[in-house]
Protein backbone atom coordinates (compact mmCIF):
# COMPACT_ATOMS: atom_id res chain seq x y z
CA UNK A 1 78.80 4.13 -6.11
CA UNK A 2 78.36 0.55 -4.86
CA UNK A 3 80.51 -2.41 -5.80
CA UNK A 4 79.32 -5.98 -5.21
CA UNK A 5 81.50 -9.08 -5.14
CA UNK A 6 80.00 -12.56 -4.92
CA UNK A 7 81.73 -15.66 -3.62
CA UNK A 8 80.93 -19.19 -2.51
CA UNK A 9 79.92 -20.80 -5.77
CA UNK A 10 81.25 -24.12 -6.92
CA UNK A 11 80.44 -27.69 -7.86
CA UNK A 12 78.18 -29.72 -5.62
CA UNK A 13 76.28 -32.99 -5.84
CA UNK A 14 72.49 -32.98 -5.99
CA UNK A 15 71.11 -32.74 -2.49
CA UNK A 16 74.10 -30.81 -1.25
CA UNK A 17 74.40 -27.28 0.06
CA UNK A 18 76.24 -24.08 -0.73
CA UNK A 19 76.33 -20.67 0.88
CA UNK A 20 76.81 -17.66 -1.36
CA UNK A 21 78.13 -14.39 -0.02
CA UNK A 22 78.00 -10.91 -1.48
CA UNK A 23 80.20 -8.17 -0.12
CA UNK A 24 79.26 -4.56 -0.81
CA UNK A 25 81.57 -1.59 -0.78
CA UNK A 26 81.40 2.05 -1.72
CA UNK A 27 78.36 4.15 -0.90
CA UNK A 28 76.66 1.33 0.99
CA UNK A 29 74.61 3.58 3.26
CA UNK A 30 72.25 4.21 0.36
CA UNK A 31 71.39 0.53 -0.19
CA UNK A 32 67.75 -0.44 0.30
CA UNK A 33 66.68 -3.87 -0.94
CA UNK A 34 69.10 -6.61 -1.91
CA UNK A 35 68.51 -9.71 -3.97
CA UNK A 36 69.98 -12.77 -5.62
CA UNK A 37 69.34 -13.51 -9.27
CA UNK A 38 70.50 -16.38 -11.42
CA UNK A 39 70.98 -16.99 -15.11
CA UNK A 40 71.41 -20.33 -16.80
CA UNK A 41 72.98 -20.54 -20.28
CA UNK A 42 70.58 -19.35 -22.96
CA UNK A 43 67.96 -18.29 -20.43
CA UNK A 44 66.77 -15.01 -18.96
CA UNK A 45 68.07 -13.81 -15.65
CA UNK A 46 65.51 -14.57 -12.96
CA UNK A 47 64.94 -13.40 -9.43
CA UNK A 48 65.75 -16.06 -6.85
CA UNK A 49 65.30 -14.25 -3.55
CA UNK A 50 65.10 -10.72 -2.26
CA UNK A 51 65.28 -9.05 1.12
CA UNK A 52 64.30 -5.55 2.18
CA UNK A 53 66.31 -3.29 4.42
CA UNK A 54 64.07 -4.36 7.29
CA UNK A 55 64.35 -8.09 6.64
CA UNK A 56 61.22 -8.87 4.65
CA UNK A 57 61.98 -11.74 2.25
CA UNK A 58 60.52 -13.13 -0.93
CA UNK A 59 61.45 -16.23 -2.93
CA UNK A 60 60.67 -17.66 -6.30
CA UNK A 61 58.49 -20.75 -5.97
CA UNK A 62 61.12 -23.16 -7.24
CA UNK A 63 63.48 -22.45 -4.33
CA UNK A 64 61.01 -21.77 -1.55
CA UNK A 65 61.75 -23.96 1.44
CA UNK A 66 65.25 -24.76 0.20
CA UNK A 67 66.98 -21.38 -0.03
CA UNK A 68 67.31 -18.69 2.62
CA UNK A 69 68.39 -15.12 2.00
CA UNK A 70 69.81 -13.02 4.82
CA UNK A 71 71.73 -9.81 5.25
CA UNK A 72 74.09 -8.21 7.71
CA UNK A 73 73.92 -4.46 7.33
CA UNK A 74 76.81 -3.85 9.72
CA UNK A 75 79.03 -6.08 7.57
CA UNK A 76 77.55 -4.73 4.34
CA UNK A 77 76.84 -8.24 3.14
CA UNK A 78 74.01 -10.41 1.88
CA UNK A 79 73.96 -14.21 1.85
CA UNK A 80 72.11 -17.03 0.16
CA UNK A 81 72.02 -20.38 1.92
CA UNK A 82 71.12 -23.06 -0.62
CA UNK A 83 70.09 -26.49 0.62
CA UNK A 84 68.79 -29.58 -1.17
CA UNK A 85 70.32 -28.37 -4.40
CA UNK A 86 69.00 -29.72 -7.69
CA UNK A 87 70.61 -29.84 -11.14
CA UNK A 88 68.12 -27.22 -12.32
CA UNK A 89 69.67 -24.80 -9.83
CA UNK A 90 72.79 -24.71 -11.99
CA UNK A 91 73.39 -21.12 -13.07
CA UNK A 92 75.49 -18.05 -12.56
CA UNK A 93 74.23 -16.34 -9.44
CA UNK A 94 74.31 -12.55 -9.22
CA UNK A 95 74.01 -10.25 -6.26
CA UNK A 96 71.90 -7.14 -6.73
CA UNK A 97 71.16 -4.08 -4.66
CA UNK A 98 68.75 -1.21 -5.08
CA UNK A 99 69.71 2.38 -4.30
CA UNK A 100 66.65 4.56 -4.62
CA UNK A 101 65.88 4.09 -8.32
CA UNK A 102 69.27 2.65 -9.21
CA UNK A 103 70.45 -0.96 -9.34
CA UNK A 104 73.94 -2.41 -8.96
CA UNK A 105 75.16 -5.87 -9.90
CA UNK A 106 78.01 -8.12 -8.93
CA UNK A 107 80.08 -10.07 -11.43
CA UNK A 108 78.39 -13.38 -10.65
CA UNK A 109 79.49 -16.70 -9.20
CA UNK A 110 79.00 -20.07 -10.87
CA UNK A 111 76.93 -22.75 -9.15
CA UNK A 112 76.95 -26.19 -10.73
CA UNK A 113 74.86 -29.04 -9.33
CA UNK A 114 75.63 -32.49 -10.67
CA UNK A 115 73.21 -35.41 -10.80
């Protein structure tokens, strides 16, 4: 019902910035919360940041103060501004949305932070 496409990943030096975008399509009127997850090779996928339909945000401790999640409901998009990037931020970043009890995922975008 909902398709998610991430973009904005790439290679950046430590201390640099990237802005990830996630564009939703399909039955977007049913979307409630949205979130960004990431998964490094050989590791579990972890929650990075989440935002409710009314703008309440939550961040994992390791990115707090450096990353900012935002959404534009009229554009059906969610964003992740990443500043002061560290090598440990290297991962595939996935967009996620919740629809009632259902969850949808994007295909992921690679973020690589070099030392």
